[in-house]
PDB file of N, CA and C in Angstrom:
ATOM      1  N   MET A   1       0.827  -1.206   0.000  1.00  0.00           N
ATOM      2  CA  MET A   1       0.000   0.000   0.000  1.00  0.00           C
ATOM      3  C   MET A   1       0.861   1.255   0.000  1.00  0.00           C
ATOM      4  N   GLY A   2       2.196   1.095  -0.066  1.00  0.00           N
ATOM      5  CA  GLY A   2       3.081   2.247  -0.024  1.00  0.00           C
ATOM      6  C   GLY A   2       3.467   2.784  -1.378  1.00  0.00           C
ATOM      7  N   GLU A   3       3.220   2.030  -2.463  1.00  0.00           N
ATOM      8  CA  GLU A   3       3.599   2.473  -3.792  1.00  0.00           C
ATOM      9  C   GLU A   3       2.469   2.193  -4.767  1.00  0.00           C
ATOM     10  N   GLU A   4       2.534   2.880  -5.914  1.00  0.00           N
ATOM     11  CA  GLU A   4       1.532   2.657  -6.950  1.00  0.00           C
ATOM     12  C   GLU A   4       1.723   1.253  -7.516  1.00  0.00           C
ATOM     13  N   ILE A   5       0.635   0.537  -7.694  1.00  0.00           N
ATOM     14  CA  ILE A   5       0.699  -0.857  -8.110  1.00  0.00           C
ATOM     15  C   ILE A   5       0.308  -0.975  -9.578  1.00  0.00           C
ATOM     16  N   PHE A   6       1.182  -1.597 -10.383  1.00  0.00           N
ATOM     17  CA  PHE A   6       0.844  -1.906 -11.765  1.00  0.00           C
ATOM     18  C   PHE A   6       0.889  -3.414 -11.905  1.00  0.00           C
ATOM     19  N   GLY A   7      -0.220  -4.045 -11.753  1.00  0.00           N
ATOM     20  CA  GLY A   7      -0.263  -5.489 -11.830  1.00  0.00           C
ATOM     21  C   GLY A   7      -1.650  -5.987 -11.505  1.00  0.00           C
ATOM     22  N   PRO A   8      -1.832  -7.270 -11.545  1.00  0.00           N
ATOM     23  CA  PRO A   8      -3.160  -7.832 -11.273  1.00  0.00           C
ATOM     24  C   PRO A   8      -3.467  -7.888  -9.780  1.00  0.00           C
ATOM     25  N   VAL A   9      -3.355  -6.748  -9.125  1.00  0.00           N
ATOM     26  CA  VAL A   9      -3.613  -6.674  -7.699  1.00  0.00           C
ATOM     27  C   VAL A   9      -4.619  -5.564  -7.448  1.00  0.00           C
ATOM     28  N   LEU A  10      -5.631  -5.837  -6.681  1.00  0.00           N
ATOM     29  CA  LEU A  10      -6.621  -4.825  -6.330  1.00  0.00           C
ATOM     30  C   LEU A  10      -6.662  -4.705  -4.812  1.00  0.00           C
ATOM     31  N   PRO A  11      -5.947  -3.716  -4.257  1.00  0.00           N
ATOM     32  CA  PRO A  11      -5.999  -3.551  -2.795  1.00  0.00           C
ATOM     33  C   PRO A  11      -7.353  -2.989  -2.382  1.00  0.00           C
ATOM     34  N   ILE A  12      -7.909  -3.550  -1.343  1.00  0.00           N
ATOM     35  CA  ILE A  12      -9.219  -3.121  -0.854  1.00  0.00           C
ATOM     36  C   ILE A  12      -9.089  -2.779   0.620  1.00  0.00           C
ATOM     37  N   ILE A  13      -9.546  -1.584   0.969  1.00  0.00           N
ATOM     38  CA  ILE A  13      -9.582  -1.166   2.363  1.00  0.00           C
ATOM     39  C   ILE A  13     -11.038  -0.843   2.671  1.00  0.00           C
ATOM     40  N   SER A  14     -11.584  -1.496   3.632  1.00  0.00           N
ATOM     41  CA  SER A  14     -12.989  -1.312   3.976  1.00  0.00           C
ATOM     42  C   SER A  14     -13.134  -0.312   5.122  1.00  0.00           C
ATOM     43  N   PHE A  15     -14.059   0.634   4.956  1.00  0.00           N
ATOM     44  CA  PHE A  15     -14.342   1.631   5.978  1.00  0.00           C
ATOM     45  C   PHE A  15     -15.837   1.892   6.015  1.00  0.00           C
ATOM     46  N   THR A  16     -16.292   2.387   7.135  1.00  0.00           N
ATOM     47  CA  THR A  16     -17.699   2.752   7.240  1.00  0.00           C
ATOM     48  C   THR A  16     -17.877   4.246   7.400  1.00  0.00           C
ATOM     49  N   THR A  17     -16.774   4.991   7.520  1.00  0.00           N
ATOM     50  CA  THR A  17     -16.873   6.445   7.679  1.00  0.00           C
ATOM     51  C   THR A  17     -15.964   7.141   6.674  1.00  0.00           C
ATOM     52  N   PHE A  18     -16.091   8.451   6.614  1.00  0.00           N
ATOM     53  CA  PHE A  18     -15.289   9.246   5.691  1.00  0.00           C
ATOM     54  C   PHE A  18     -13.859   9.421   6.182  1.00  0.00           C
ATOM     55  N   GLU A  19     -13.511   8.828   7.322  1.00  0.00           N
ATOM     56  CA  GLU A  19     -12.158   8.927   7.859  1.00  0.00           C
ATOM     57  C   GLU A  19     -11.120   8.271   6.948  1.00  0.00           C
ATOM     58  N   ALA A  20     -11.542   7.480   5.994  1.00  0.00           N
ATOM     59  CA  ALA A  20     -10.618   6.855   5.043  1.00  0.00           C
ATOM     60  C   ALA A  20      -9.896   7.900   4.211  1.00  0.00           C
ATOM     61  N   GLN A  21     -10.423   9.109   4.185  1.00  0.00           N
ATOM     62  CA  GLN A  21      -9.779  10.173   3.420  1.00  0.00           C
ATOM     63  C   GLN A  21      -8.368  10.442   3.938  1.00  0.00           C
ATOM     64  N   GLU A  22      -8.106  10.193   5.208  1.00  0.00           N
ATOM     65  CA  GLU A  22      -6.764  10.385   5.773  1.00  0.00           C
ATOM     66  C   GLU A  22      -5.748   9.501   5.053  1.00  0.00           C
ATOM     67  N   ILE A  23      -6.111   8.269   4.744  1.00  0.00           N
ATOM     68  CA  ILE A  23      -5.219   7.358   4.026  1.00  0.00           C
ATOM     69  C   ILE A  23      -5.022   7.838   2.594  1.00  0.00           C
ATOM     70  N   ILE A  24      -6.081   8.271   1.971  1.00  0.00           N
ATOM     71  CA  ILE A  24      -5.989   8.756   0.591  1.00  0.00           C
ATOM     72  C   ILE A  24      -5.115  10.006   0.531  1.00  0.00           C
ATOM     73  N   ASN A  25      -5.214  10.872   1.518  1.00  0.00           N
ATOM     74  CA  ASN A  25      -4.413  12.097   1.540  1.00  0.00           C
ATOM     75  C   ASN A  25      -2.914  11.812   1.637  1.00  0.00           C
ATOM     76  N   LYS A  26      -2.546  10.652   2.181  1.00  0.00           N
ATOM     77  CA  LYS A  26      -1.136  10.275   2.255  1.00  0.00           C
ATOM     78  C   LYS A  26      -0.602   9.857   0.885  1.00  0.00           C
ATOM     79  N   ASN A  27      -1.485   9.443  -0.010  1.00  0.00           N
ATOM     80  CA  ASN A  27      -1.140   9.011  -1.371  1.00  0.00           C
ATOM     81  C   ASN A  27      -2.094   9.697  -2.338  1.00  0.00           C
ATOM     82  N   PRO A  28      -1.918  10.995  -2.540  1.00  0.00           N
ATOM     83  CA  PRO A  28      -2.903  11.766  -3.311  1.00  0.00           C
ATOM     84  C   PRO A  28      -2.971  11.396  -4.793  1.00  0.00           C
ATOM     85  N   ASN A  29      -4.082  11.761  -5.404  1.00  0.00           N
ATOM     86  CA  ASN A  29      -4.319  11.598  -6.837  1.00  0.00           C
ATOM     87  C   ASN A  29      -4.234  10.160  -7.337  1.00  0.00           C
ATOM     88  N   PRO A  30      -5.027   9.244  -6.780  1.00  0.00           N
ATOM     89  CA  PRO A  30      -4.978   7.878  -7.292  1.00  0.00           C
ATOM     90  C   PRO A  30      -5.469   7.817  -8.735  1.00  0.00           C
ATOM     91  N   LEU A  31      -4.949   6.841  -9.469  1.00  0.00           N
ATOM     92  CA  LEU A  31      -5.370   6.639 -10.850  1.00  0.00           C
ATOM     93  C   LEU A  31      -6.869   6.335 -10.900  1.00  0.00           C
ATOM     94  N   ALA A  32      -7.323   5.495 -10.006  1.00  0.00           N
ATOM     95  CA  ALA A  32      -8.737   5.111  -9.990  1.00  0.00           C
ATOM     96  C   ALA A  32      -9.264   5.147  -8.554  1.00  0.00           C
ATOM     97  N   PHE A  33     -10.573   5.304  -8.447  1.00  0.00           N
ATOM     98  CA  PHE A  33     -11.217   5.348  -7.131  1.00  0.00           C
ATOM     99  C   PHE A  33     -12.578   4.691  -7.251  1.00  0.00           C
ATOM    100  N   TYR A  34     -12.840   3.739  -6.385  1.00  0.00           N
ATOM    101  CA  TYR A  34     -14.108   3.022  -6.396  1.00  0.00           C
ATOM    102  C   TYR A  34     -14.752   3.159  -5.030  1.00  0.00           C
ATOM    103  N   VAL A  35     -16.003   3.543  -5.025  1.00  0.00           N
ATOM    104  CA  VAL A  35     -16.729   3.681  -3.765  1.00  0.00           C
ATOM    105  C   VAL A  35     -17.983   2.805  -3.837  1.00  0.00           C
ATOM    106  N   PHE A  36     -18.234   2.099  -2.770  1.00  0.00           N
ATOM    107  CA  PHE A  36     -19.402   1.223  -2.682  1.00  0.00           C
ATOM    108  C   PHE A  36     -20.302   1.748  -1.580  1.00  0.00           C
ATOM    109  N   THR A  37     -21.464   2.233  -1.960  1.00  0.00           N
ATOM    110  CA  THR A  37     -22.409   2.770  -0.990  1.00  0.00           C
ATOM    111  C   THR A  37     -23.804   2.801  -1.609  1.00  0.00           C
ATOM    112  N   GLU A  38     -24.799   2.753  -0.765  1.00  0.00           N
ATOM    113  CA  GLU A  38     -26.177   2.930  -1.228  1.00  0.00           C
ATOM    114  C   GLU A  38     -26.670   4.333  -0.900  1.00  0.00           C
ATOM    115  N   SER A  39     -25.825   5.134  -0.275  1.00  0.00           N
ATOM    116  CA  SER A  39     -26.194   6.489   0.114  1.00  0.00           C
ATOM    117  C   SER A  39     -25.782   7.478  -0.973  1.00  0.00           C
ATOM    118  N   GLY A  40     -26.752   8.138  -1.558  1.00  0.00           N
ATOM    119  CA  GLY A  40     -26.461   9.161  -2.552  1.00  0.00           C
ATOM    120  C   GLY A  40     -25.655  10.305  -1.973  1.00  0.00           C
ATOM    121  N   GLU A  41     -25.898  10.625  -0.726  1.00  0.00           N
ATOM    122  CA  GLU A  41     -25.177  11.703  -0.043  1.00  0.00           C
ATOM    123  C   GLU A  41     -23.696  11.346   0.121  1.00  0.00           C
ATOM    124  N   LYS A  42     -23.410  10.123   0.584  1.00  0.00           N
ATOM    125  CA  LYS A  42     -22.021   9.693   0.757  1.00  0.00           C
ATOM    126  C   LYS A  42     -21.322   9.555  -0.594  1.00  0.00           C
ATOM    127  N   GLU A  43     -22.038   9.051  -1.577  1.00  0.00           N
ATOM    128  CA  GLU A  43     -21.484   8.927  -2.930  1.00  0.00           C
ATOM    129  C   GLU A  43     -21.019  10.293  -3.437  1.00  0.00           C
ATOM    130  N   LYS A  44     -21.879  11.293  -3.311  1.00  0.00           N
ATOM    131  CA  LYS A  44     -21.554  12.646  -3.764  1.00  0.00           C
ATOM    132  C   LYS A  44     -20.366  13.203  -2.977  1.00  0.00           C
ATOM    133  N   GLN A  45     -20.347  12.971  -1.672  1.00  0.00           N
ATOM    134  CA  GLN A  45     -19.254  13.471  -0.827  1.00  0.00           C
ATOM    135  C   GLN A  45     -17.917  12.887  -1.271  1.00  0.00           C
ATOM    136  N   TRP A  46     -17.862  11.575  -1.488  1.00  0.00           N
ATOM    137  CA  TRP A  46     -16.620  10.937  -1.907  1.00  0.00           C
ATOM    138  C   TRP A  46     -16.175  11.453  -3.275  1.00  0.00           C
ATOM    139  N   ILE A  47     -17.068  11.478  -4.226  1.00  0.00           N
ATOM    140  CA  ILE A  47     -16.713  11.854  -5.593  1.00  0.00           C
ATOM    141  C   ILE A  47     -16.255  13.309  -5.667  1.00  0.00           C
ATOM    142  N   GLU A  48     -16.870  14.180  -4.907  1.00  0.00           N
ATOM    143  CA  GLU A  48     -16.517  15.601  -4.962  1.00  0.00           C
ATOM    144  C   GLU A  48     -15.240  15.922  -4.179  1.00  0.00           C
ATOM    145  N   GLN A  49     -14.942  15.166  -3.125  1.00  0.00           N
ATOM    146  CA  GLN A  49     -13.828  15.535  -2.254  1.00  0.00           C
ATOM    147  C   GLN A  49     -12.529  14.776  -2.512  1.00  0.00           C
ATOM    148  N   ILE A  50     -12.583  13.719  -3.307  1.00  0.00           N
ATOM    149  CA  ILE A  50     -11.369  12.949  -3.582  1.00  0.00           C
ATOM    150  C   ILE A  50     -10.949  13.187  -5.028  1.00  0.00           C
ATOM    151  N   PRO A  51      -9.736  13.715  -5.258  1.00  0.00           N
ATOM    152  CA  PRO A  51      -9.269  13.858  -6.635  1.00  0.00           C
ATOM    153  C   PRO A  51      -8.728  12.518  -7.147  1.00  0.00           C
ATOM    154  N   PHE A  52      -9.195  12.071  -8.295  1.00  0.00           N
ATOM    155  CA  PHE A  52      -8.747  10.804  -8.869  1.00  0.00           C
ATOM    156  C   PHE A  52      -8.897  10.864 -10.384  1.00  0.00           C
ATOM    157  N   GLY A  53      -8.272   9.915 -11.071  1.00  0.00           N
ATOM    158  CA  GLY A  53      -8.326   9.883 -12.530  1.00  0.00           C
ATOM    159  C   GLY A  53      -9.679   9.453 -13.057  1.00  0.00           C
ATOM    160  N   GLY A  54     -10.136   8.306 -12.687  1.00  0.00           N
ATOM    161  CA  GLY A  54     -11.435   7.777 -13.119  1.00  0.00           C
ATOM    162  C   GLY A  54     -11.970   6.880 -12.023  1.00  0.00           C
ATOM    163  N   GLY A  55     -13.250   6.584 -12.073  1.00  0.00           N
ATOM    164  CA  GLY A  55     -13.773   5.754 -11.000  1.00  0.00           C
ATOM    165  C   GLY A  55     -15.113   5.135 -11.293  1.00  0.00           C
ATOM    166  N   CYS A  56     -15.578   4.400 -10.321  1.00  0.00           N
ATOM    167  CA  CYS A  56     -16.869   3.724 -10.396  1.00  0.00           C
ATOM    168  C   CYS A  56     -17.571   3.844  -9.054  1.00  0.00           C
ATOM    169  N   ILE A  57     -18.859   3.790  -9.121  1.00  0.00           N
ATOM    170  CA  ILE A  57     -19.683   3.720  -7.924  1.00  0.00           C
ATOM    171  C   ILE A  57     -20.339   2.349  -7.927  1.00  0.00           C
ATOM    172  N   ASN A  58     -20.106   1.599  -6.866  1.00  0.00           N
ATOM    173  CA  ASN A  58     -20.630   0.245  -6.703  1.00  0.00           C
ATOM    174  C   ASN A  58     -20.144  -0.703  -7.799  1.00  0.00           C
ATOM    175  N   ASN A  59     -18.921  -0.483  -8.258  1.00  0.00           N
ATOM    176  CA  ASN A  59     -18.306  -1.328  -9.261  1.00  0.00           C
ATOM    177  C   ASN A  59     -16.818  -1.044  -9.236  1.00  0.00           C
ATOM    178  N   ALA A  60     -16.024  -1.857  -9.892  1.00  0.00           N
ATOM    179  CA  ALA A  60     -14.581  -1.612  -9.952  1.00  0.00           C
ATOM    180  C   ALA A  60     -14.070  -1.891 -11.359  1.00  0.00           C
ATOM    181  N   SER A  61     -13.272  -1.009 -11.870  1.00  0.00           N
ATOM    182  CA  SER A  61     -12.563  -1.140 -13.142  1.00  0.00           C
ATOM    183  C   SER A  61     -13.404  -0.987 -14.403  1.00  0.00           C
ATOM    184  N   TRP A  62     -14.700  -1.010 -14.326  1.00  0.00           N
ATOM    185  CA  TRP A  62     -15.503  -0.981 -15.545  1.00  0.00           C
ATOM    186  C   TRP A  62     -15.476   0.359 -16.263  1.00  0.00           C
ATOM    187  N   HIS A  63     -15.041   1.415 -15.607  1.00  0.00           N
ATOM    188  CA  HIS A  63     -14.942   2.702 -16.297  1.00  0.00           C
ATOM    189  C   HIS A  63     -13.924   2.628 -17.432  1.00  0.00           C
ATOM    190  N   LEU A  64     -12.982   1.686 -17.355  1.00  0.00           N
ATOM    191  CA  LEU A  64     -11.972   1.511 -18.408  1.00  0.00           C
ATOM    192  C   LEU A  64     -12.592   1.056 -19.721  1.00  0.00           C
ATOM    193  N   THR A  65     -13.676   0.337 -19.638  1.00  0.00           N
ATOM    194  CA  THR A  65     -14.257  -0.270 -20.839  1.00  0.00           C
ATOM    195  C   THR A  65     -15.207   0.650 -21.587  1.00  0.00           C
ATOM    196  N   ASN A  66     -15.555   1.770 -21.018  1.00  0.00           N
ATOM    197  CA  ASN A  66     -16.503   2.678 -21.648  1.00  0.00           C
ATOM    198  C   ASN A  66     -15.734   3.739 -22.433  1.00  0.00           C
ATOM    199  N   PHE A  67     -15.754   3.635 -23.760  1.00  0.00           N
ATOM    200  CA  PHE A  67     -14.984   4.552 -24.596  1.00  0.00           C
ATOM    201  C   PHE A  67     -15.624   5.931 -24.698  1.00  0.00           C
ATOM    202  N   ASN A  68     -16.760   6.118 -24.065  1.00  0.00           N
ATOM    203  CA  ASN A  68     -17.364   7.450 -23.987  1.00  0.00           C
ATOM    204  C   ASN A  68     -16.834   8.233 -22.791  1.00  0.00           C
ATOM    205  N   LEU A  69     -16.078   7.556 -21.936  1.00  0.00           N
ATOM    206  CA  LEU A  69     -15.485   8.204 -20.765  1.00  0.00           C
ATOM    207  C   LEU A  69     -13.987   8.334 -20.967  1.00  0.00           C
ATOM    208  N   PRO A  70     -13.393   9.452 -20.562  1.00  0.00           N
ATOM    209  CA  PRO A  70     -11.938   9.555 -20.661  1.00  0.00           C
ATOM    210  C   PRO A  70     -11.274   8.679 -19.615  1.00  0.00           C
ATOM    211  N   PHE A  71     -10.125   8.105 -19.964  1.00  0.00           N
ATOM    212  CA  PHE A  71      -9.365   7.328 -18.998  1.00  0.00           C
ATOM    213  C   PHE A  71      -7.995   7.960 -18.862  1.00  0.00           C
ATOM    214  N   GLY A  72      -7.615   8.285 -17.665  1.00  0.00           N
ATOM    215  CA  GLY A  72      -6.311   8.873 -17.416  1.00  0.00           C
ATOM    216  C   GLY A  72      -6.192   9.218 -15.949  1.00  0.00           C
ATOM    217  N   GLY A  73      -4.977   9.524 -15.559  1.00  0.00           N
ATOM    218  CA  GLY A  73      -4.721   9.787 -14.154  1.00  0.00           C
ATOM    219  C   GLY A  73      -4.563  11.256 -13.840  1.00  0.00           C
ATOM    220  N   ARG A  74      -4.104  11.494 -12.639  1.00  0.00           N
ATOM    221  CA  ARG A  74      -3.821  12.842 -12.139  1.00  0.00           C
ATOM    222  C   ARG A  74      -2.443  12.801 -11.500  1.00  0.00           C
ATOM    223  N   GLY A  75      -1.743  13.913 -11.563  1.00  0.00           N
ATOM    224  CA  GLY A  75      -0.443  13.980 -10.901  1.00  0.00           C
ATOM    225  C   GLY A  75       0.486  12.882 -11.375  1.00  0.00           C
ATOM    226  N   ASN A  76       1.117  12.158 -10.440  1.00  0.00           N
ATOM    227  CA  ASN A  76       2.061  11.098 -10.791  1.00  0.00           C
ATOM    228  C   ASN A  76       1.390   9.879 -11.412  1.00  0.00           C
ATOM    229  N   SER A  77       0.079   9.794 -11.339  1.00  0.00           N
ATOM    230  CA  SER A  77      -0.619   8.669 -11.951  1.00  0.00           C
ATOM    231  C   SER A  77      -0.846   8.887 -13.445  1.00  0.00           C
ATOM    232  N   GLY A  78      -0.460  10.013 -13.978  1.00  0.00           N
ATOM    233  CA  GLY A  78      -0.588  10.244 -15.414  1.00  0.00           C
ATOM    234  C   GLY A  78      -1.191  11.590 -15.723  1.00  0.00           C
ATOM    235  N   ILE A  79      -0.808  12.100 -16.856  1.00  0.00           N
ATOM    236  CA  ILE A  79      -1.328  13.379 -17.319  1.00  0.00           C
ATOM    237  C   ILE A  79      -2.064  13.119 -18.626  1.00  0.00           C
ATOM    238  N   GLY A  80      -3.222  13.691 -18.764  1.00  0.00           N
ATOM    239  CA  GLY A  80      -4.001  13.494 -19.975  1.00  0.00           C
ATOM    240  C   GLY A  80      -4.958  12.334 -19.828  1.00  0.00           C
ATOM    241  N   ALA A  81      -5.812  12.200 -20.810  1.00  0.00           N
ATOM    242  CA  ALA A  81      -6.797  11.125 -20.791  1.00  0.00           C
ATOM    243  C   ALA A  81      -6.943  10.581 -22.202  1.00  0.00           C
ATOM    244  N   TYR A  82      -7.295   9.306 -22.307  1.00  0.00           N
ATOM    245  CA  TYR A  82      -7.494   8.728 -23.621  1.00  0.00           C
ATOM    246  C   TYR A  82      -8.714   7.825 -23.613  1.00  0.00           C
ATOM    247  N   HIS A  83      -9.099   7.394 -24.768  1.00  0.00           N
ATOM    248  CA  HIS A  83     -10.262   6.582 -25.131  1.00  0.00           C
ATOM    249  C   HIS A  83     -11.054   7.392 -26.148  1.00  0.00           C
ATOM    250  N   GLY A  84     -11.369   6.802 -27.255  1.00  0.00           N
ATOM    251  CA  GLY A  84     -12.189   7.485 -28.254  1.00  0.00           C
ATOM    252  C   GLY A  84     -11.638   8.854 -28.628  1.00  0.00           C
ATOM    253  N   LYS A  85     -12.493   9.865 -28.638  1.00  0.00           N
ATOM    254  CA  LYS A  85     -12.105  11.232 -28.984  1.00  0.00           C
ATOM    255  C   LYS A  85     -11.033  11.769 -28.038  1.00  0.00           C
ATOM    256  N   TYR A  86     -11.062  11.348 -26.783  1.00  0.00           N
ATOM    257  CA  TYR A  86     -10.080  11.816 -25.809  1.00  0.00           C
ATOM    258  C   TYR A  86      -8.668  11.406 -26.224  1.00  0.00           C
ATOM    259  N   SER A  87      -8.505  10.240 -26.862  1.00  0.00           N
ATOM    260  CA  SER A  87      -7.192   9.825 -27.352  1.00  0.00           C
ATOM    261  C   SER A  87      -6.690  10.791 -28.408  1.00  0.00           C
ATOM    262  N   PHE A  88      -7.567  11.162 -29.326  1.00  0.00           N
ATOM    263  CA  PHE A  88      -7.187  12.110 -30.370  1.00  0.00           C
ATOM    264  C   PHE A  88      -6.769  13.434 -29.743  1.00  0.00           C
ATOM    265  N   ASP A  89      -7.534  13.917 -28.786  1.00  0.00           N
ATOM    266  CA  ASP A  89      -7.236  15.204 -28.155  1.00  0.00           C
ATOM    267  C   ASP A  89      -5.906  15.187 -27.407  1.00  0.00           C
ATOM    268  N   VAL A  90      -5.645  14.124 -26.646  1.00  0.00           N
ATOM    269  CA  VAL A  90      -4.437  14.098 -25.817  1.00  0.00           C
ATOM    270  C   VAL A  90      -3.173  13.924 -26.660  1.00  0.00           C
ATOM    271  N   PHE A  91      -3.286  13.249 -27.813  1.00  0.00           N
ATOM    272  CA  PHE A  91      -2.114  13.038 -28.652  1.00  0.00           C
ATOM    273  C   PHE A  91      -2.024  14.038 -29.797  1.00  0.00           C
ATOM    274  N   SER A  92      -2.841  15.071 -29.742  1.00  0.00           N
ATOM    275  CA  SER A  92      -2.807  16.138 -30.742  1.00  0.00           C
ATOM    276  C   SER A  92      -2.311  17.414 -30.083  1.00  0.00           C
ATOM    277  N   HIS A  93      -1.719  18.259 -30.876  1.00  0.00           N
ATOM    278  CA  HIS A  93      -1.313  19.566 -30.368  1.00  0.00           C
ATOM    279  C   HIS A  93      -2.197  20.604 -31.023  1.00  0.00           C
ATOM    280  N   GLN A  94      -2.941  21.314 -30.215  1.00  0.00           N
ATOM    281  CA  GLN A  94      -3.793  22.377 -30.737  1.00  0.00           C
ATOM    282  C   GLN A  94      -3.007  23.672 -30.723  1.00  0.00           C
ATOM    283  N   LYS A  95      -2.985  24.333 -31.869  1.00  0.00           N
ATOM    284  CA  LYS A  95      -2.284  25.608 -31.985  1.00  0.00           C
ATOM    285  C   LYS A  95      -3.285  26.735 -31.874  1.00  0.00           C
ATOM    286  N   ALA A  96      -2.992  27.675 -31.000  1.00  0.00           N
ATOM    287  CA  ALA A  96      -3.845  28.851 -30.864  1.00  0.00           C
ATOM    288  C   ALA A  96      -3.298  29.946 -31.770  1.00  0.00           C
ATOM    289  N   VAL A  97      -4.124  30.434 -32.679  1.00  0.00           N
ATOM    290  CA  VAL A  97      -3.723  31.491 -33.605  1.00  0.00           C
ATOM    291  C   VAL A  97      -4.825  32.532 -33.642  1.00  0.00           C
ATOM    292  N   MET A  98      -4.445  33.783 -33.475  1.00  0.00           N
ATOM    293  CA  MET A  98      -5.411  34.877 -33.545  1.00  0.00           C
ATOM    294  C   MET A  98      -5.056  35.747 -34.736  1.00  0.00           C
ATOM    295  N   LYS A  99      -6.018  36.028 -35.585  1.00  0.00           N
ATOM    296  CA  LYS A  99      -5.792  36.848 -36.764  1.00  0.00           C
ATOM    297  C   LYS A  99      -6.506  38.181 -36.592  1.00  0.00           C
ATOM    298  N   THR A 100      -5.791  39.265 -36.865  1.00  0.00           N
ATOM    299  CA  THR A 100      -6.354  40.603 -36.773  1.00  0.00           C
ATOM    300  C   THR A 100      -6.404  41.199 -38.173  1.00  0.00           C
ATOM    301  N   LEU A 101      -7.519  41.775 -38.502  1.00  0.00           N
ATOM    302  CA  LEU A 101      -7.656  42.428 -39.809  1.00  0.00           C
ATOM    303  C   LEU A 101      -6.756  43.652 -39.878  1.00  0.00           C
ATOM    304  N   THR A 102      -6.264  43.959 -41.061  1.00  0.00           N
ATOM    305  CA  THR A 102      -5.359  45.100 -41.229  1.00  0.00           C
ATOM    306  C   THR A 102      -6.072  46.362 -41.685  1.00  0.00           C
ATOM    307  N   ARG A 103      -7.343  46.265 -42.083  1.00  0.00           N
ATOM    308  CA  ARG A 103      -8.068  47.434 -42.567  1.00  0.00           C
ATOM    309  C   ARG A 103      -8.195  48.521 -41.511  1.00  0.00           C
ATOM    310  N   PHE A 104      -8.431  48.114 -40.304  1.00  0.00           N
ATOM    311  CA  PHE A 104      -8.574  49.064 -39.208  1.00  0.00           C
ATOM    312  C   PHE A 104      -7.511  48.716 -38.169  1.00  0.00           C
ATOM    313  N   ASP A 105      -6.529  49.572 -38.000  1.00  0.00           N
ATOM    314  CA  ASP A 105      -5.410  49.293 -37.112  1.00  0.00           C
ATOM    315  C   ASP A 105      -5.220  50.476 -36.169  1.00  0.00           C
ATOM    316  N   PRO A 106      -5.956  50.499 -35.039  1.00  0.00           N
ATOM    317  CA  PRO A 106      -5.875  51.651 -34.143  1.00  0.00           C
ATOM    318  C   PRO A 106      -4.513  51.780 -33.467  1.00  0.00           C
ATOM    319  N   LYS A 107      -4.022  52.980 -33.348  1.00  0.00           N
ATOM    320  CA  LYS A 107      -2.720  53.245 -32.742  1.00  0.00           C
ATOM    321  C   LYS A 107      -2.715  52.939 -31.248  1.00  0.00           C
ATOM    322  N   ILE A 108      -3.885  52.829 -30.648  1.00  0.00           N
ATOM    323  CA  ILE A 108      -3.969  52.594 -29.196  1.00  0.00           C
ATOM    324  C   ILE A 108      -3.317  51.271 -28.776  1.00  0.00           C
ATOM    325  N   LYS A 109      -3.168  50.336 -29.702  1.00  0.00           N
ATOM    326  CA  LYS A 109      -2.598  49.044 -29.320  1.00  0.00           C
ATOM    327  C   LYS A 109      -1.075  48.996 -29.405  1.00  0.00           C
ATOM    328  N   TYR A 110      -0.438  50.116 -29.781  1.00  0.00           N
ATOM    329  CA  TYR A 110       1.026  50.160 -29.888  1.00  0.00           C
ATOM    330  C   TYR A 110       1.608  51.090 -28.835  1.00  0.00           C
ATOM    331  N   PRO A 111       2.753  50.713 -28.246  1.00  0.00           N
ATOM    332  CA  PRO A 111       3.417  51.617 -27.310  1.00  0.00           C
ATOM    333  C   PRO A 111       4.052  52.791 -28.072  1.00  0.00           C
ATOM    334  N   PRO A 112       4.331  53.878 -27.446  1.00  0.00           N
ATOM    335  CA  PRO A 112       4.129  54.124 -26.009  1.00  0.00           C
ATOM    336  C   PRO A 112       2.666  54.416 -25.718  1.00  0.00           C
ATOM    337  N   PHE A 113       2.176  53.855 -24.621  1.00  0.00           N
ATOM    338  CA  PHE A 113       0.791  54.051 -24.226  1.00  0.00           C
ATOM    339  C   PHE A 113       0.670  55.333 -23.441  1.00  0.00           C
ATOM    340  N   LYS A 114      -0.289  56.168 -23.813  1.00  0.00           N
ATOM    341  CA  LYS A 114      -0.513  57.437 -23.098  1.00  0.00           C
ATOM    342  C   LYS A 114      -2.002  57.601 -22.825  1.00  0.00           C
ATOM    343  N   GLY A 115      -2.309  58.243 -21.694  1.00  0.00           N
ATOM    344  CA  GLY A 115      -3.679  58.619 -21.415  1.00  0.00           C
ATOM    345  C   GLY A 115      -4.596  57.519 -21.021  1.00  0.00           C
TER     346      GLY A 115
END
């Protein structure tokens, strides 16, 4: 439980209160987060207060199989997301270009600025 695991291992820690956040805070930004609860209030609390890459409610790992959802981590667990359109976006470089017409070129946009 001290390092990020890449393998066929699923560590499970069972809790009945939100105090489990203390353990998560020691290892921030997990790649995935799964919460099992029948309480809509607790579900919302966990999802809103824990930063993670992707997750499931009352399930584990199935978010990986849905190509309509981005898959990716946060922080040391990975930057960017992929699956479907998200793969195209993360592996593409978008160039920002602004074009200004030359017909009207006000002097106010050039230094020295006065007034």
